[in-house]
Amino acid sequence: MGIILKPLITEKGTARNDKGVYGFVVAKSANKVEIKQSIEKMYGVKVQEVRTMIAAGKPKSRFSNGSFLSGKTSSYKKALITVAAGEVIDFYSSI
């Protein structure tokens, strides 16, 4: 399993792309140095800053087969990457 799992495509994240900030879902065990090296190698950009956070799982419940089931989604770690001025990461180039 790699360090970078997938890009984080949300409305808020897409609005930040114009400012050079991109979001990624990363492995929970990854640190900022590993994330920076992986992004620079994968996308060929110069990373200026890496901010990480762990997003907690949300509680979910549903009524199924006459019983009430409850649980929560998995937590995950996300990283916000700031690239150097003038550089762009294009998530949609391979589509």
Protein backbone atom coordinates (compact mmCIF):
# COMPACT_ATOMS: atom_id res chain seq x y z
CA MET A 1 0.00 0.00 0.00
CA GLY A 2 1.34 3.39 -1.01
CA ILE A 3 1.54 6.58 0.98
CA ILE A 4 -0.84 8.57 -1.24
CA LEU A 5 -4.17 6.71 -1.42
CA LYS A 6 -6.27 9.14 -3.51
CA PRO A 7 -6.80 12.83 -4.19
CA LEU A 8 -9.49 14.53 -2.12
CA ILE A 9 -11.99 16.02 -4.57
CA THR A 10 -14.53 18.20 -2.73
CA GLU A 11 -16.11 21.59 -3.38
CA LYS A 12 -14.00 23.25 -0.72
CA GLY A 13 -10.85 21.49 -1.92
CA THR A 14 -11.46 22.45 -5.55
CA ALA A 15 -11.85 26.09 -4.54
CA ARG A 16 -8.44 25.91 -2.83
CA ASN A 17 -6.77 24.55 -5.98
CA ASP A 18 -6.61 28.07 -7.44
CA LYS A 19 -4.41 29.07 -4.49
CA GLY A 20 -2.06 26.11 -4.96
CA VAL A 21 -3.48 23.98 -2.12
CA TYR A 22 -4.43 20.36 -2.88
CA GLY A 23 -5.93 17.67 -0.65
CA PHE A 24 -5.03 13.99 -0.52
CA VAL A 25 -6.12 10.97 1.53
CA VAL A 26 -2.91 9.41 2.85
CA ALA A 27 -1.90 6.35 4.88
CA LYS A 28 -2.37 6.83 8.63
CA SER A 29 1.23 5.85 9.32
CA ALA A 30 2.72 8.40 6.86
CA ASN A 31 4.57 11.42 8.18
CA LYS A 32 4.98 14.85 6.53
CA VAL A 33 8.41 14.13 5.06
CA GLU A 34 7.23 10.92 3.39
CA ILE A 35 4.12 12.66 2.05
CA LYS A 36 6.19 15.52 0.61
CA GLN A 37 8.64 13.17 -1.12
CA SER A 38 5.83 11.04 -2.53
CA ILE A 39 3.92 14.04 -3.97
CA GLU A 40 7.07 15.52 -5.52
CA LYS A 41 7.94 12.19 -7.14
CA MET A 42 4.38 11.39 -8.31
CA TYR A 43 3.39 14.79 -9.73
CA GLY A 44 6.76 16.45 -10.42
CA VAL A 45 6.03 19.62 -8.42
CA LYS A 46 7.88 21.46 -5.65
CA VAL A 47 6.00 21.14 -2.33
CA GLN A 48 6.31 24.10 0.05
CA GLU A 49 4.10 23.00 2.94
CA VAL A 50 2.34 19.86 4.20
CA ARG A 51 -0.47 20.00 6.76
CA THR A 52 -1.99 16.76 8.06
CA MET A 53 -5.05 15.88 10.09
CA ILE A 54 -6.98 12.77 11.05
CA ALA A 55 -10.67 12.97 10.14
CA ALA A 56 -12.79 11.05 12.62
CA GLY A 57 -15.37 8.54 11.42
CA LYS A 58 -18.98 9.71 11.34
CA PRO A 59 -21.72 7.83 13.20
CA LYS A 60 -24.19 6.04 10.92
CA SER A 61 -27.41 4.18 11.69
CA ARG A 62 -30.15 2.46 9.74
CA PHE A 63 -33.21 0.29 10.20
CA SER A 64 -32.84 -3.10 8.49
CA ASN A 65 -34.68 -6.44 8.75
CA GLY A 66 -36.68 -5.34 11.76
CA SER A 67 -33.67 -4.24 13.77
CA PHE A 68 -31.78 -1.01 14.32
CA LEU A 69 -28.11 -1.13 13.25
CA SER A 70 -25.61 1.50 14.29
CA GLY A 71 -21.91 1.96 13.72
CA LYS A 72 -19.49 4.46 12.26
CA THR A 73 -17.44 5.02 9.13
CA SER A 74 -13.68 4.54 9.21
CA SER A 75 -11.43 7.41 10.20
CA TYR A 76 -8.77 8.51 7.73
CA LYS A 77 -5.78 10.82 7.50
CA LYS A 78 -5.76 13.67 5.01
CA ALA A 79 -2.99 16.00 3.93
CA LEU A 80 -3.25 19.52 2.53
CA ILE A 81 -0.33 20.21 0.21
CA THR A 82 0.79 23.71 -0.78
CA VAL A 83 2.84 23.77 -4.00
CA ALA A 84 5.27 26.46 -5.16
CA ALA A 85 3.87 29.51 -6.94
CA GLY A 86 3.09 28.85 -10.61
CA GLU A 87 2.96 25.06 -10.28
CA VAL A 88 -0.25 23.08 -10.80
CA ILE A 89 -1.33 19.49 -10.12
CA ASP A 90 -3.81 18.28 -12.75
CA PHE A 91 -5.95 15.44 -11.38
CA TYR A 92 -7.99 15.13 -14.59
CA SER A 93 -5.19 14.74 -17.17
CA SER A 94 -5.43 10.92 -17.27
CA ILE A 95 -9.19 10.80 -17.86
